[in-house]
N, C-alpha and C. Protein backbone atom coordinates (compact mmCIF):
# COMPACT_ATOMS: atom_id res chain seq x y z
N MET A 1 39.21 -68.09 81.81
CA MET A 1 38.87 -69.36 81.58
C MET A 1 37.22 -69.45 81.29
N GLU A 2 36.99 -69.92 80.08
CA GLU A 2 35.52 -70.15 79.88
C GLU A 2 34.98 -71.38 80.54
N GLN A 3 33.57 -71.36 80.68
CA GLN A 3 32.91 -72.27 81.41
C GLN A 3 31.82 -72.80 80.36
N GLU A 4 31.63 -74.09 80.35
CA GLU A 4 30.61 -74.48 79.35
C GLU A 4 29.33 -74.96 80.16
N PRO A 5 28.20 -74.37 79.71
CA PRO A 5 26.95 -74.75 80.40
C PRO A 5 26.35 -76.16 79.77
N LEU A 6 25.48 -76.69 80.48
CA LEU A 6 24.78 -77.93 79.99
C LEU A 6 24.42 -77.69 78.62
N ASP A 7 23.83 -76.66 78.24
CA ASP A 7 23.22 -76.77 76.96
C ASP A 7 24.37 -76.55 75.66
N GLY A 8 25.60 -76.52 76.13
CA GLY A 8 26.53 -76.39 75.05
C GLY A 8 27.09 -75.15 74.63
N GLN A 9 26.34 -74.01 75.14
CA GLN A 9 26.60 -72.72 74.78
C GLN A 9 27.83 -72.31 75.45
N GLN A 10 28.68 -71.57 75.21
CA GLN A 10 29.89 -71.08 75.93
C GLN A 10 29.52 -69.85 76.67
N VAL A 11 30.02 -69.69 78.01
CA VAL A 11 29.79 -68.78 79.01
C VAL A 11 31.04 -67.93 78.79
N GLN A 12 30.82 -66.77 78.62
CA GLN A 12 32.24 -65.76 78.48
C GLN A 12 32.66 -65.32 79.65
N PRO A 13 33.91 -65.19 79.90
CA PRO A 13 34.50 -64.78 81.22
C PRO A 13 33.91 -63.43 81.49
N PRO A 14 33.74 -63.11 82.86
CA PRO A 14 33.38 -61.75 83.21
C PRO A 14 33.92 -60.58 82.47
N THR A 15 33.23 -59.67 82.30
CA THR A 15 33.80 -58.55 81.43
C THR A 15 34.50 -57.20 82.54
N GLN A 16 35.16 -56.47 81.83
CA GLN A 16 35.63 -55.30 82.60
C GLN A 16 34.53 -54.58 83.15
N GLU A 17 33.33 -54.56 82.46
CA GLU A 17 32.34 -53.74 82.84
C GLU A 17 31.87 -54.22 84.25
N GLY A 18 31.84 -55.63 84.43
CA GLY A 18 31.43 -56.26 85.74
C GLY A 18 32.39 -55.83 86.82
N ARG A 19 33.67 -55.81 86.57
CA ARG A 19 34.76 -55.56 87.34
C ARG A 19 34.59 -54.10 88.00
N THR A 20 34.28 -53.16 86.91
CA THR A 20 34.15 -51.84 87.14
C THR A 20 32.85 -51.61 88.26
N LEU A 21 31.82 -52.35 87.78
CA LEU A 21 30.71 -52.20 88.57
C LEU A 21 30.81 -52.58 90.02
N LEU A 22 31.52 -53.60 90.28
CA LEU A 22 31.70 -54.14 91.69
C LEU A 22 32.66 -53.16 92.27
N GLU A 23 33.69 -52.74 91.69
CA GLU A 23 34.77 -51.80 92.44
C GLU A 23 34.11 -50.44 92.59
N ARG A 24 33.00 -49.96 91.84
CA ARG A 24 32.40 -48.73 92.03
C ARG A 24 31.69 -48.84 93.44
N TYR A 25 31.14 -50.02 93.78
CA TYR A 25 30.47 -50.15 95.10
C TYR A 25 31.35 -50.65 96.25
N GLY A 26 32.60 -50.65 95.90
CA GLY A 26 33.67 -50.95 97.03
C GLY A 26 33.76 -52.32 97.23
N LEU A 27 33.49 -53.23 96.18
CA LEU A 27 33.67 -54.56 96.53
C LEU A 27 34.80 -55.11 95.49
N ARG A 28 35.55 -56.17 96.19
CA ARG A 28 36.47 -56.87 95.50
C ARG A 28 36.06 -57.71 94.38
N ALA A 29 36.51 -57.61 93.17
CA ALA A 29 36.09 -58.37 92.07
C ALA A 29 36.58 -59.59 92.02
N THR A 30 35.91 -60.63 92.79
CA THR A 30 36.36 -62.09 92.83
C THR A 30 35.70 -62.85 91.70
N ARG A 31 36.16 -63.88 91.32
CA ARG A 31 35.52 -64.67 90.47
C ARG A 31 34.17 -64.97 90.35
N GLN A 32 33.65 -65.42 91.62
CA GLN A 32 32.47 -65.78 91.87
C GLN A 32 31.42 -64.65 91.85
N ARG A 33 31.88 -63.38 92.41
CA ARG A 33 31.08 -62.25 92.47
C ARG A 33 30.90 -61.64 91.06
N LEU A 34 31.89 -61.84 90.37
CA LEU A 34 31.82 -61.30 88.92
C LEU A 34 30.89 -62.22 88.09
N GLY A 35 30.92 -63.56 88.29
CA GLY A 35 30.12 -64.41 87.51
C GLY A 35 28.59 -64.47 88.02
N LEU A 36 28.40 -64.27 89.46
CA LEU A 36 26.99 -64.02 89.68
C LEU A 36 26.56 -62.74 89.31
N ALA A 37 27.32 -61.77 89.38
CA ALA A 37 26.85 -60.33 88.98
C ALA A 37 26.39 -60.44 87.22
N LYS A 38 27.34 -61.07 86.55
CA LYS A 38 26.99 -61.41 85.16
C LYS A 38 25.55 -61.79 85.02
N LEU A 39 25.36 -63.03 85.64
CA LEU A 39 24.13 -63.78 85.59
C LEU A 39 22.91 -62.84 86.02
N LEU A 40 23.07 -62.06 87.27
CA LEU A 40 22.19 -61.37 87.77
C LEU A 40 21.67 -60.27 86.90
N PHE A 41 22.67 -59.46 86.38
CA PHE A 41 22.43 -58.22 85.76
C PHE A 41 22.36 -58.19 84.16
N SER A 42 22.49 -59.60 83.65
CA SER A 42 22.47 -59.71 82.18
C SER A 42 21.10 -59.61 81.50
N LYS A 43 20.11 -59.87 82.37
CA LYS A 43 18.77 -59.97 81.82
C LYS A 43 17.81 -58.85 82.23
N GLY A 44 18.37 -57.56 82.31
CA GLY A 44 17.59 -56.56 82.72
C GLY A 44 17.07 -56.61 84.17
N ASP A 45 16.11 -55.69 84.44
CA ASP A 45 15.54 -55.65 85.88
C ASP A 45 14.78 -56.97 86.10
N ARG A 46 15.01 -57.45 87.19
CA ARG A 46 14.45 -58.65 87.40
C ARG A 46 14.24 -58.98 89.09
N HIS A 47 13.46 -59.91 89.41
CA HIS A 47 13.44 -60.25 90.91
C HIS A 47 13.80 -61.71 90.95
N VAL A 48 14.68 -62.08 91.78
CA VAL A 48 15.41 -63.54 91.93
C VAL A 48 15.62 -63.69 93.44
N THR A 49 15.47 -65.11 93.58
CA THR A 49 15.85 -65.65 94.91
C THR A 49 17.22 -66.10 94.73
N ALA A 50 17.66 -66.43 96.00
CA ALA A 50 19.22 -67.06 95.96
C ALA A 50 19.14 -68.53 95.23
N ASP A 51 17.96 -69.29 95.64
CA ASP A 51 17.81 -70.42 95.10
C ASP A 51 17.80 -70.37 93.59
N ALA A 52 17.09 -69.54 92.87
CA ALA A 52 17.03 -69.41 91.55
C ALA A 52 18.14 -69.02 90.91
N LEU A 53 18.92 -68.09 91.52
CA LEU A 53 20.33 -67.58 91.06
C LEU A 53 21.31 -68.86 91.05
N ALA A 54 21.38 -69.50 92.17
CA ALA A 54 22.04 -70.61 92.25
C ALA A 54 21.83 -71.75 91.14
N ALA A 55 20.50 -71.94 90.97
CA ALA A 55 20.12 -72.94 89.67
C ALA A 55 20.79 -72.28 88.34
N GLU A 56 20.61 -71.18 88.27
CA GLU A 56 21.27 -70.50 86.97
C GLU A 56 22.73 -70.76 86.68
N ALA A 57 23.37 -70.52 87.98
CA ALA A 57 24.85 -70.77 88.07
C ALA A 57 25.16 -72.24 87.72
N GLN A 58 24.53 -73.01 88.29
CA GLN A 58 24.73 -74.50 88.20
C GLN A 58 24.39 -74.82 86.71
N ALA A 59 23.46 -74.22 86.22
CA ALA A 59 23.01 -74.49 84.73
C ALA A 59 24.39 -74.26 83.68
N VAL A 60 25.13 -73.11 84.32
CA VAL A 60 26.08 -72.84 83.17
C VAL A 60 27.49 -73.39 83.78
N ARG A 61 27.33 -74.26 84.74
CA ARG A 61 28.48 -74.97 85.40
C ARG A 61 29.37 -74.05 86.06
N MET A 62 28.73 -72.91 86.66
CA MET A 62 29.52 -71.91 87.54
C MET A 62 29.87 -72.55 88.78
N SER A 63 31.03 -72.61 89.27
CA SER A 63 31.31 -73.11 90.60
C SER A 63 31.00 -71.84 91.69
N ALA A 64 29.71 -72.19 92.35
CA ALA A 64 29.34 -71.42 93.32
C ALA A 64 28.17 -72.15 94.27
N SER A 65 28.43 -72.31 95.62
CA SER A 65 27.55 -72.96 96.26
C SER A 65 26.25 -72.14 96.68
N LEU A 66 25.33 -72.66 97.21
CA LEU A 66 24.20 -71.99 97.47
C LEU A 66 24.38 -71.07 98.72
N ALA A 67 25.32 -71.36 99.66
CA ALA A 67 25.64 -70.46 100.67
C ALA A 67 26.54 -68.97 100.07
N THR A 68 27.31 -69.53 99.19
CA THR A 68 28.02 -68.37 98.44
C THR A 68 27.14 -67.45 97.74
N VAL A 69 26.05 -67.96 96.94
CA VAL A 69 24.99 -67.20 96.30
C VAL A 69 24.39 -66.27 97.47
N TYR A 70 23.89 -66.84 98.39
CA TYR A 70 23.33 -66.19 99.45
C TYR A 70 24.05 -64.99 100.12
N ASN A 71 25.53 -65.39 100.40
CA ASN A 71 26.43 -64.38 100.77
C ASN A 71 26.48 -63.19 99.82
N VAL A 72 26.55 -63.63 98.64
CA VAL A 72 27.04 -62.52 97.50
C VAL A 72 25.75 -61.57 97.33
N LEU A 73 24.45 -62.07 97.28
CA LEU A 73 23.29 -61.49 97.09
C LEU A 73 23.01 -60.45 98.45
N ASN A 74 23.40 -61.13 99.42
CA ASN A 74 23.29 -60.25 100.70
C ASN A 74 24.25 -59.12 100.87
N LEU A 75 25.57 -59.42 100.35
CA LEU A 75 26.46 -58.38 100.19
C LEU A 75 26.13 -57.30 99.14
N PHE A 76 25.64 -57.81 98.06
CA PHE A 76 25.14 -56.73 97.00
C PHE A 76 24.11 -55.98 97.36
N ALA A 77 23.21 -56.53 98.41
CA ALA A 77 22.01 -55.61 98.97
C ALA A 77 22.63 -54.77 99.98
N GLN A 78 23.57 -55.20 100.48
CA GLN A 78 24.16 -54.43 101.69
C GLN A 78 24.77 -52.95 101.07
N VAL A 79 25.39 -53.16 100.03
CA VAL A 79 26.15 -52.01 99.43
C VAL A 79 25.12 -51.27 98.53
N GLY A 80 24.01 -51.86 98.22
CA GLY A 80 22.98 -50.95 97.31
C GLY A 80 22.95 -51.54 95.77
N LEU A 81 23.68 -52.40 95.55
CA LEU A 81 23.61 -53.13 94.14
C LEU A 81 22.33 -53.55 93.74
N VAL A 82 21.69 -54.40 94.60
CA VAL A 82 20.29 -54.86 94.65
C VAL A 82 19.60 -54.32 95.93
N ARG A 83 18.23 -54.81 95.71
CA ARG A 83 17.28 -54.47 96.95
C ARG A 83 16.60 -55.67 97.48
N GLY A 84 16.97 -55.91 98.58
CA GLY A 84 16.20 -57.21 99.19
C GLY A 84 14.84 -56.82 99.59
N LEU A 85 14.10 -57.89 99.22
CA LEU A 85 12.61 -57.60 99.65
C LEU A 85 12.21 -58.93 100.36
N ALA A 86 11.73 -58.67 101.67
CA ALA A 86 11.24 -59.77 102.48
C ALA A 86 9.71 -60.01 102.05
N ILE A 87 9.44 -61.16 101.36
CA ILE A 87 7.99 -61.22 100.92
C ILE A 87 7.26 -62.32 101.77
N GLU A 88 7.85 -63.41 101.87
CA GLU A 88 7.20 -64.50 102.52
C GLU A 88 7.90 -64.97 103.77
N GLY A 89 7.79 -64.50 105.03
CA GLY A 89 8.61 -65.01 106.16
C GLY A 89 10.07 -64.75 105.88
N THR A 90 10.83 -65.75 105.90
CA THR A 90 12.27 -65.59 105.91
C THR A 90 12.75 -65.67 104.36
N LYS A 91 11.89 -65.87 103.43
CA LYS A 91 12.22 -65.75 102.12
C LYS A 91 12.42 -64.35 101.49
N THR A 92 13.82 -64.09 100.95
CA THR A 92 14.16 -62.69 100.39
C THR A 92 14.14 -62.70 98.96
N VAL A 93 13.59 -61.92 98.25
CA VAL A 93 13.70 -61.76 96.90
C VAL A 93 14.51 -60.60 96.49
N PHE A 94 15.49 -60.65 95.80
CA PHE A 94 16.38 -59.59 95.29
C PHE A 94 16.06 -58.99 94.12
N ASP A 95 15.90 -57.70 94.03
CA ASP A 95 15.51 -56.92 92.83
C ASP A 95 16.50 -55.95 92.54
N THR A 96 16.95 -56.09 91.13
CA THR A 96 18.00 -55.59 90.52
C THR A 96 17.62 -54.04 90.22
N ASN A 97 16.43 -53.66 90.46
CA ASN A 97 16.05 -52.21 90.07
C ASN A 97 15.95 -51.56 91.46
N THR A 98 17.05 -50.86 91.89
CA THR A 98 16.96 -50.21 93.23
C THR A 98 16.34 -48.92 93.27
N SER A 99 15.72 -48.51 92.19
CA SER A 99 15.04 -47.08 92.24
C SER A 99 13.85 -47.38 93.28
N ASP A 100 13.19 -46.14 93.75
CA ASP A 100 12.02 -46.25 94.49
C ASP A 100 10.84 -46.73 93.67
N HIS A 101 10.11 -47.94 93.95
CA HIS A 101 9.17 -48.29 93.47
C HIS A 101 8.56 -49.49 94.16
N CYS A 102 7.27 -49.86 93.93
CA CYS A 102 6.56 -50.90 94.49
C CYS A 102 6.31 -52.01 94.01
N HIS A 103 5.72 -53.13 94.71
CA HIS A 103 5.58 -54.31 93.82
C HIS A 103 4.23 -54.95 93.98
N PHE A 104 3.80 -55.77 93.04
CA PHE A 104 2.71 -56.75 93.06
C PHE A 104 3.28 -58.00 93.34
N TYR A 105 2.56 -58.77 94.34
CA TYR A 105 3.08 -60.10 94.74
C TYR A 105 1.91 -61.01 94.40
N PHE A 106 1.86 -61.92 93.42
CA PHE A 106 0.91 -62.72 93.17
C PHE A 106 0.98 -64.16 93.98
N GLU A 107 0.14 -64.11 95.11
CA GLU A 107 0.03 -65.34 95.99
C GLU A 107 -0.02 -66.64 95.29
N GLU A 108 -0.64 -66.96 94.39
CA GLU A 108 -0.88 -68.18 93.81
C GLU A 108 0.49 -68.57 93.15
N THR A 109 1.16 -67.80 92.49
CA THR A 109 2.42 -68.23 91.73
C THR A 109 3.59 -67.93 92.46
N GLY A 110 3.42 -66.95 93.31
CA GLY A 110 4.81 -66.33 93.94
C GLY A 110 5.46 -65.49 93.04
N ASP A 111 4.94 -64.96 91.80
CA ASP A 111 5.70 -63.94 90.99
C ASP A 111 5.45 -62.48 91.53
N ILE A 112 6.49 -61.81 91.29
CA ILE A 112 6.51 -60.57 91.57
C ILE A 112 6.84 -59.58 90.42
N GLU A 113 6.02 -58.39 90.26
CA GLU A 113 6.01 -57.52 89.49
C GLU A 113 6.16 -56.03 89.86
N ASP A 114 6.86 -55.36 89.09
CA ASP A 114 7.03 -53.82 89.55
C ASP A 114 5.84 -53.17 89.27
N ILE A 115 5.32 -52.20 90.11
CA ILE A 115 4.32 -51.38 90.05
C ILE A 115 4.89 -50.00 89.47
N VAL A 116 4.59 -49.56 88.48
CA VAL A 116 5.04 -48.44 87.78
C VAL A 116 3.93 -47.08 88.34
N VAL A 117 4.68 -46.14 88.96
CA VAL A 117 3.97 -45.07 89.50
C VAL A 117 4.98 -43.86 89.21
N GLN A 118 4.30 -43.09 88.26
CA GLN A 118 5.21 -41.94 87.74
C GLN A 118 5.08 -40.78 88.79
N GLY A 119 6.33 -40.38 89.15
CA GLY A 119 6.50 -39.17 89.90
C GLY A 119 6.14 -39.05 91.28
N MET A 120 5.65 -40.26 91.85
CA MET A 120 5.30 -40.38 93.25
C MET A 120 6.48 -40.78 93.99
N LYS A 121 6.83 -40.16 95.36
CA LYS A 121 7.79 -40.54 96.08
C LYS A 121 6.99 -40.82 97.40
N PHE A 122 7.07 -42.23 97.84
CA PHE A 122 6.40 -42.64 98.98
C PHE A 122 6.79 -42.16 100.16
N ALA A 123 8.20 -41.90 100.20
CA ALA A 123 8.72 -41.26 101.37
C ALA A 123 8.29 -40.09 101.89
N ASP A 124 7.88 -39.35 100.73
CA ASP A 124 7.24 -38.02 101.08
C ASP A 124 6.06 -37.96 101.89
N ASN A 125 5.26 -39.26 101.89
CA ASN A 125 3.96 -39.36 102.67
C ASN A 125 3.97 -39.68 103.93
N PHE A 126 5.32 -39.90 104.53
CA PHE A 126 5.35 -40.34 105.88
C PHE A 126 6.35 -39.38 106.57
N GLU A 127 6.31 -39.29 107.96
CA GLU A 127 7.17 -38.62 108.61
C GLU A 127 7.80 -39.63 109.71
N ALA A 128 9.26 -39.61 109.75
CA ALA A 128 9.98 -40.34 110.70
C ALA A 128 9.69 -39.82 112.08
N PRO A 129 9.87 -40.70 113.11
CA PRO A 129 9.87 -40.32 114.42
C PRO A 129 11.11 -39.57 114.65
N GLU A 130 11.01 -38.89 115.75
CA GLU A 130 12.15 -37.69 116.12
C GLU A 130 13.46 -38.58 116.19
N GLY A 131 14.46 -38.12 115.55
CA GLY A 131 15.95 -38.56 115.69
C GLY A 131 16.18 -39.80 114.49
N TYR A 132 15.08 -39.95 113.59
CA TYR A 132 15.21 -40.98 112.64
C TYR A 132 14.99 -40.41 111.16
N GLU A 133 15.52 -41.01 110.24
CA GLU A 133 15.24 -40.74 108.86
C GLU A 133 14.82 -41.71 108.13
N ILE A 134 13.94 -41.42 106.98
CA ILE A 134 13.38 -42.72 106.30
C ILE A 134 14.39 -43.10 105.09
N VAL A 135 14.88 -44.35 105.04
CA VAL A 135 15.88 -44.76 104.22
C VAL A 135 15.34 -45.08 102.90
N LYS A 136 14.29 -45.98 103.07
CA LYS A 136 13.42 -46.31 101.77
C LYS A 136 12.02 -46.86 102.26
N VAL A 137 11.00 -46.83 101.32
CA VAL A 137 9.70 -47.45 101.58
C VAL A 137 9.58 -48.55 100.83
N ASP A 138 9.29 -49.75 101.31
CA ASP A 138 9.05 -51.08 100.55
C ASP A 138 7.50 -51.15 100.61
N VAL A 139 6.77 -51.21 99.40
CA VAL A 139 5.35 -51.40 99.46
C VAL A 139 5.28 -52.56 98.66
N VAL A 140 4.39 -53.61 99.23
CA VAL A 140 4.24 -54.84 98.37
C VAL A 140 2.66 -55.27 98.51
N VAL A 141 2.13 -55.03 97.28
CA VAL A 141 0.62 -55.21 97.25
C VAL A 141 0.41 -56.71 97.00
N ARG A 142 -0.18 -57.45 97.84
CA ARG A 142 -0.40 -58.78 97.71
C ARG A 142 -1.77 -59.01 96.98
N LEU A 143 -1.67 -59.93 95.87
CA LEU A 143 -2.85 -60.12 94.93
C LEU A 143 -3.27 -61.69 94.96
N ARG A 144 -4.65 -61.83 94.75
CA ARG A 144 -5.18 -63.07 94.95
C ARG A 144 -6.26 -63.15 93.79
N LYS A 145 -6.42 -64.19 93.11
CA LYS A 145 -7.48 -64.29 92.17
C LYS A 145 -8.92 -64.22 92.72
N LYS A 146 -9.84 -63.35 92.20
CA LYS A 146 -11.15 -63.30 92.88
C LYS A 146 -11.80 -64.62 92.82
N ASP A 147 -12.68 -64.98 93.76
CA ASP A 147 -13.33 -66.24 93.72
C ASP A 147 -14.43 -66.05 92.44
N GLN A 148 -14.38 -67.04 91.54
CA GLN A 148 -15.30 -66.92 90.54
C GLN A 148 -16.76 -67.32 90.73
N ASN A 149 -16.86 -67.99 91.93
CA ASN A 149 -18.28 -68.60 92.35
C ASN A 149 -19.01 -67.47 92.93
N VAL A 150 -18.34 -66.25 93.46
CA VAL A 150 -19.22 -65.58 94.38
C VAL A 150 -19.85 -64.57 93.45
């Protein structure tokens, strides 16, 4: 069943590709998961909050409550489809690029950009305590514009 967004363009039903992606991660391909995955992954690598994805879903008249969007994104993060980044307190930003990389966080705008570092594995620079292993390393470099009057 096609959905009609507010701008009049038709949103196509989720593809077999989306179904295959979810099943590869052991997830049942429900209508809402398929629709949210299509929105999330159709724009390349990106950083998105649950609020922003819920707004995108609403704009294309996709039936998904904010709670559902949060649950789906957290589930996607749990299985490794996306990466959850805790940037500001309880605010989580979800990154569709799950490779080992770092981020710039622009405090004034709240924007996040990937830091491209060729051939460096941050986990290699740390030694885990006895009985533990490093799962991943999250590095967020916070940026603020320099005071022009100094």
